[in-house]
């Protein structure tokens, strides 16, 4: 049994995997997420601070949901996100579509096994049967 303290409430729980938070806190976090998602849909021009204050959710938690691509903002939103690689404007996540595709391509080519070069066949000049002297 792997016991840990919940990062959110501090209570001990049986840790199985994933984020180090207990089941009741996971449910509460999901409820907070749904509330924030609905708030953003109804208030597309709200700032990150305003969303945080009105929903009693930390800006750190909001930023995590954005990086995980769980939250997405409209084009006219005052929240401006930039691709961490090239600086292009994005609506959610950490990278723009172009950089994601480039990284996926680089990853795929780095794991691709190189094809072995064909070995030239050597022809023996003295082909035929050979006998051993006894």
Protein backbone atom coordinates (compact mmCIF):
# COMPACT_ATOMS: atom_id res chain seq x y z
CA UNK A 1 0.00 0.00 0.00
CA UNK A 2 1.41 3.37 -1.01
CA UNK A 3 0.15 6.10 1.34
CA UNK A 4 0.69 9.75 0.54
CA UNK A 5 -0.62 13.10 1.71
CA UNK A 6 -2.98 14.90 -0.65
CA UNK A 7 -1.32 17.97 -2.16
CA UNK A 8 -4.61 19.84 -1.96
CA UNK A 9 -6.13 18.99 1.44
CA UNK A 10 -3.25 17.25 3.23
CA UNK A 11 -5.17 14.08 4.17
CA UNK A 12 -3.54 10.69 3.76
CA UNK A 13 -4.81 8.46 0.96
CA UNK A 14 -3.84 5.33 -0.95
CA UNK A 15 -1.84 6.66 -3.92
CA UNK A 16 -2.26 4.66 -7.12
CA UNK A 17 -0.83 7.02 -9.75
CA UNK A 18 -1.24 10.38 -11.46
CA UNK A 19 -1.55 13.67 -9.56
CA UNK A 20 -0.96 13.36 -5.82
CA UNK A 21 -4.49 14.30 -4.76
CA UNK A 22 -7.20 12.22 -3.10
CA UNK A 23 -10.47 11.20 -4.79
CA UNK A 24 -12.65 13.83 -3.08
CA UNK A 25 -10.20 16.55 -4.16
CA UNK A 26 -10.12 15.17 -7.74
CA UNK A 27 -13.90 15.43 -7.84
CA UNK A 28 -13.80 18.97 -6.40
CA UNK A 29 -11.14 19.98 -8.98
CA UNK A 30 -13.27 18.59 -11.80
CA UNK A 31 -16.29 20.53 -10.52
CA UNK A 32 -14.13 23.69 -10.41
CA UNK A 33 -13.01 23.02 -13.98
CA UNK A 34 -16.58 22.63 -15.23
CA UNK A 35 -17.56 25.86 -13.44
CA UNK A 36 -14.62 27.76 -15.00
CA UNK A 37 -15.34 26.29 -18.45
CA UNK A 38 -18.96 27.47 -18.25
CA UNK A 39 -17.84 30.89 -16.96
CA UNK A 40 -15.46 31.33 -19.92
CA UNK A 41 -18.24 30.36 -22.35
CA UNK A 42 -20.51 33.01 -20.82
CA UNK A 43 -17.74 35.62 -20.39
CA UNK A 44 -15.33 35.21 -23.33
CA UNK A 45 -13.64 38.57 -22.72
CA UNK A 46 -12.78 37.96 -19.04
CA UNK A 47 -9.15 38.27 -17.95
CA UNK A 48 -7.27 35.46 -16.21
CA UNK A 49 -7.38 37.36 -12.91
CA UNK A 50 -11.12 37.99 -13.25
CA UNK A 51 -11.76 34.30 -14.01
CA UNK A 52 -9.67 33.35 -10.99
CA UNK A 53 -11.41 35.77 -8.63
CA UNK A 54 -14.97 35.07 -9.79
CA UNK A 55 -14.56 31.29 -9.60
CA UNK A 56 -12.26 31.09 -6.55
CA UNK A 57 -9.68 29.10 -8.50
CA UNK A 58 -5.97 29.93 -8.43
CA UNK A 59 -4.35 31.37 -11.54
CA UNK A 60 -1.78 28.57 -11.23
CA UNK A 61 -4.58 26.01 -11.63
CA UNK A 62 -6.00 27.93 -14.59
CA UNK A 63 -2.58 27.98 -16.26
CA UNK A 64 -2.23 24.24 -15.73
CA UNK A 65 -5.58 23.61 -17.42
CA UNK A 66 -4.49 25.85 -20.31
CA UNK A 67 -1.17 23.97 -20.72
CA UNK A 68 -3.07 20.67 -20.63
CA UNK A 69 -5.32 22.06 -23.42
CA UNK A 70 -8.42 21.64 -21.30
CA UNK A 71 -9.26 25.35 -21.53
CA UNK A 72 -9.37 27.26 -24.79
CA UNK A 73 -9.94 30.97 -25.30
CA UNK A 74 -11.75 32.81 -28.09
CA UNK A 75 -9.96 34.97 -30.67
CA UNK A 76 -11.03 38.24 -29.01
CA UNK A 77 -10.01 37.17 -25.51
CA UNK A 78 -7.69 39.50 -23.55
CA UNK A 79 -5.70 36.41 -22.53
CA UNK A 80 -2.78 36.22 -24.93
CA UNK A 81 -0.85 32.97 -25.11
CA UNK A 82 2.32 32.46 -27.09
CA UNK A 83 3.93 29.31 -28.44
CA UNK A 84 6.85 28.43 -26.17
CA UNK A 85 8.95 27.53 -29.19
CA UNK A 86 8.37 30.24 -31.82
CA UNK A 87 6.23 32.88 -30.05
CA UNK A 88 3.25 32.61 -32.40
CA UNK A 89 -0.14 33.47 -30.86
CA UNK A 90 -2.11 30.40 -29.72
CA UNK A 91 -5.48 29.83 -28.03
CA UNK A 92 -4.52 26.92 -25.77
CA UNK A 93 -1.66 24.60 -24.84
CA UNK A 94 2.05 25.31 -25.01
CA UNK A 95 2.90 25.07 -28.70
CA UNK A 96 1.38 26.17 -32.01
CA UNK A 97 0.21 23.57 -34.54
CA UNK A 98 3.29 24.10 -36.73
CA UNK A 99 5.72 23.49 -33.87
CA UNK A 100 3.74 20.46 -32.67
CA UNK A 101 3.92 18.94 -36.14
CA UNK A 102 7.64 19.68 -36.37
CA UNK A 103 8.32 18.10 -32.96
CA UNK A 104 6.24 15.02 -33.83
CA UNK A 105 8.14 14.65 -37.12
CA UNK A 106 11.50 15.01 -35.36
CA UNK A 107 10.47 12.44 -32.78
CA UNK A 108 9.27 10.00 -35.43
CA UNK A 109 12.48 10.29 -37.44
CA UNK A 110 14.67 9.92 -34.36
CA UNK A 111 13.01 6.60 -33.52
CA UNK A 112 12.97 5.30 -37.09
CA UNK A 113 15.47 2.50 -37.51
CA UNK A 114 18.00 3.14 -40.26
CA UNK A 115 17.82 0.64 -43.07
CA UNK A 116 20.97 -1.47 -43.27
CA UNK A 117 23.03 -1.03 -46.40
CA UNK A 118 22.99 -4.09 -48.63
CA UNK A 119 26.13 -6.17 -48.22
CA UNK A 120 28.03 -6.79 -51.45
CA UNK A 121 28.27 -10.48 -52.27
CA UNK A 122 31.87 -11.63 -52.55
CA UNK A 123 32.56 -14.17 -55.19
CA UNK A 124 35.22 -16.64 -54.34
CA UNK A 125 37.63 -17.31 -57.20
CA UNK A 126 38.12 -20.88 -56.08
CA UNK A 127 34.51 -21.81 -55.80
CA UNK A 128 33.70 -25.48 -55.62
CA UNK A 129 34.31 -28.43 -53.33
CA UNK A 130 37.16 -28.49 -50.93
CA UNK A 131 38.76 -31.48 -49.33
CA UNK A 132 40.76 -31.72 -46.19
CA UNK A 133 43.95 -33.76 -46.16
CA UNK A 134 43.97 -36.33 -43.46
